Every structure is written in C-alpha cells, then in structure tokens.
Amino acid sequence: MFKVMICVLPFFAMVGCSDRWEGFVYPNRNNLSNHRNLGAFESLEMCRAAAKGFLAEIKALESGDYECGKNCDNGSNFSSGIKICEETLR
C-alpha cells in the first residue's frame, strides 16, 4: 500500500499545479468599465480564441479588446468583484 501512495502522490502534485486562465472582454477598448468575464480556460490559447470569438460575434474586433489572466482570485475583498491575477496577457 505504501508503494502505491508513493507512485500516486507525484501525479496529484502535477495535476494541482496547472494554471487556469480567465478571459475578460471589453466591447469598447475606451470604456473598460463595460466588460464581460468569459470564464475559466485550461490554456492561454483557449482563452485567446474564446475572447476573439466573442468579439467577432458582437462585431467588436476593431473597437474592442480583451485580456487573459492567469490564476485569478478575488483577493481579500470578495465583495468588490475585482480580480487579482498573477499575470495578464493579450
């Protein structure tokens, strides 16, 4: 039984270390208060594709913008709705 635990523990450690990306879309890049959270994605590439797809759907590819945040959290102030991310990329 002990040998099984030794083999399984590294697997769970690797699964727990994966990054999570959240997508944020701004239909008007000049008005960042108007935004939409697209949810969580397994990779940066998936987040980018979803954001570009959403902007295309609402016909805002030229006027809008987006960002993808890595491992975002609400921080210590859960009521504000502001997300704190380790990193944000476009």
Protein backbone atom coordinates (compact mmCIF):
# COMPACT_ATOMS: atom_id res chain seq x y z
CA MET A 1 0.00 0.00 0.00
CA PHE A 2 2.83 2.41 0.83
CA LYS A 3 4.39 1.87 -2.64
CA VAL A 4 1.10 2.74 -4.30
CA MET A 5 0.90 6.02 -2.40
CA ILE A 6 4.43 6.95 -3.45
CA CYS A 7 3.52 6.43 -7.11
CA VAL A 8 0.20 8.29 -6.92
CA LEU A 9 1.33 11.36 -4.97
CA PRO A 10 3.51 12.82 -7.76
CA PHE A 11 0.55 12.52 -10.15
CA PHE A 12 -1.72 14.55 -7.87
CA ALA A 13 1.03 17.11 -7.32
CA MET A 14 1.33 17.66 -11.09
CA VAL A 15 -2.44 17.95 -11.57
CA GLY A 16 -2.70 20.56 -8.83
CA CYS A 17 -0.04 22.77 -10.41
CA SER A 18 -1.77 23.54 -13.70
CA ASP A 19 -2.53 27.16 -14.50
CA ARG A 20 -6.04 28.43 -15.05
CA TRP A 21 -6.76 31.34 -17.37
CA GLU A 22 -9.76 33.66 -17.19
CA GLY A 23 -10.95 35.70 -20.15
CA PHE A 24 -12.14 39.31 -19.93
CA VAL A 25 -13.61 41.11 -22.93
CA TYR A 26 -14.10 44.85 -23.38
CA PRO A 27 -16.51 45.61 -26.27
CA ASN A 28 -15.21 49.20 -26.33
CA ARG A 29 -11.49 49.49 -25.58
CA ASN A 30 -12.06 53.11 -24.49
CA ASN A 31 -14.56 52.09 -21.80
CA LEU A 32 -13.02 49.41 -19.58
CA SER A 33 -15.87 49.62 -17.07
CA ASN A 34 -18.05 47.80 -19.64
CA HIS A 35 -16.64 44.28 -19.61
CA ARG A 36 -17.63 40.65 -19.67
CA ASN A 37 -15.97 37.75 -17.88
CA LEU A 38 -15.83 34.76 -20.24
CA GLY A 39 -14.96 32.24 -17.52
CA ALA A 40 -12.01 29.91 -16.99
CA PHE A 41 -9.90 28.09 -19.57
CA GLU A 42 -7.22 25.41 -19.38
CA SER A 43 -4.72 27.33 -21.52
CA LEU A 44 -3.84 30.81 -22.68
CA GLU A 45 -4.53 29.77 -26.28
CA MET A 46 -8.07 28.64 -25.40
CA CYS A 47 -8.71 31.93 -23.58
CA ARG A 48 -7.47 33.97 -26.54
CA ALA A 49 -9.61 32.00 -29.00
CA ALA A 50 -12.74 32.45 -26.87
CA ALA A 51 -12.12 36.18 -26.45
CA LYS A 52 -11.53 36.75 -30.17
CA GLY A 53 -14.57 34.63 -30.98
CA PHE A 54 -16.76 36.66 -28.63
CA LEU A 55 -15.50 39.95 -30.05
CA ALA A 56 -16.22 38.69 -33.58
CA GLU A 57 -19.70 37.58 -32.52
CA ILE A 58 -20.59 41.04 -31.22
CA LYS A 59 -18.83 42.71 -34.18
CA ALA A 60 -16.27 44.44 -31.98
CA LEU A 61 -12.97 43.04 -33.29
CA GLU A 62 -11.81 46.54 -34.26
CA SER A 63 -13.31 48.53 -31.38
CA GLY A 64 -12.96 46.03 -28.53
CA ASP A 65 -10.16 44.45 -26.59
CA TYR A 66 -9.54 41.52 -24.27
CA GLU A 67 -7.13 40.13 -21.74
CA CYS A 68 -6.46 36.74 -20.24
CA GLY A 69 -5.49 36.49 -16.58
CA LYS A 70 -3.53 33.61 -15.07
CA ASN A 71 -4.70 32.11 -11.76
CA CYS A 72 -7.05 34.97 -10.90
CA ASP A 73 -8.59 35.39 -7.47
CA ASN A 74 -10.91 37.88 -5.85
CA GLY A 75 -8.21 38.77 -3.36
CA SER A 76 -9.12 39.64 0.19
CA ASN A 77 -12.08 41.82 -0.81
CA PHE A 78 -14.64 39.33 -2.14
CA SER A 79 -17.41 41.94 -2.41
CA SER A 80 -15.64 44.26 -4.87
CA GLY A 81 -15.71 41.85 -7.82
CA ILE A 82 -12.19 42.91 -8.77
CA LYS A 83 -9.98 40.02 -9.85
CA ILE A 84 -6.30 39.86 -8.94
CA CYS A 85 -4.30 37.77 -11.42
CA GLU A 86 -0.73 36.52 -11.26
CA GLU A 87 -0.23 37.71 -14.84
CA THR A 88 -2.36 39.20 -17.61
CA LEU A 89 -1.66 38.77 -21.30
CA ARG A 90 -3.39 39.60 -24.52
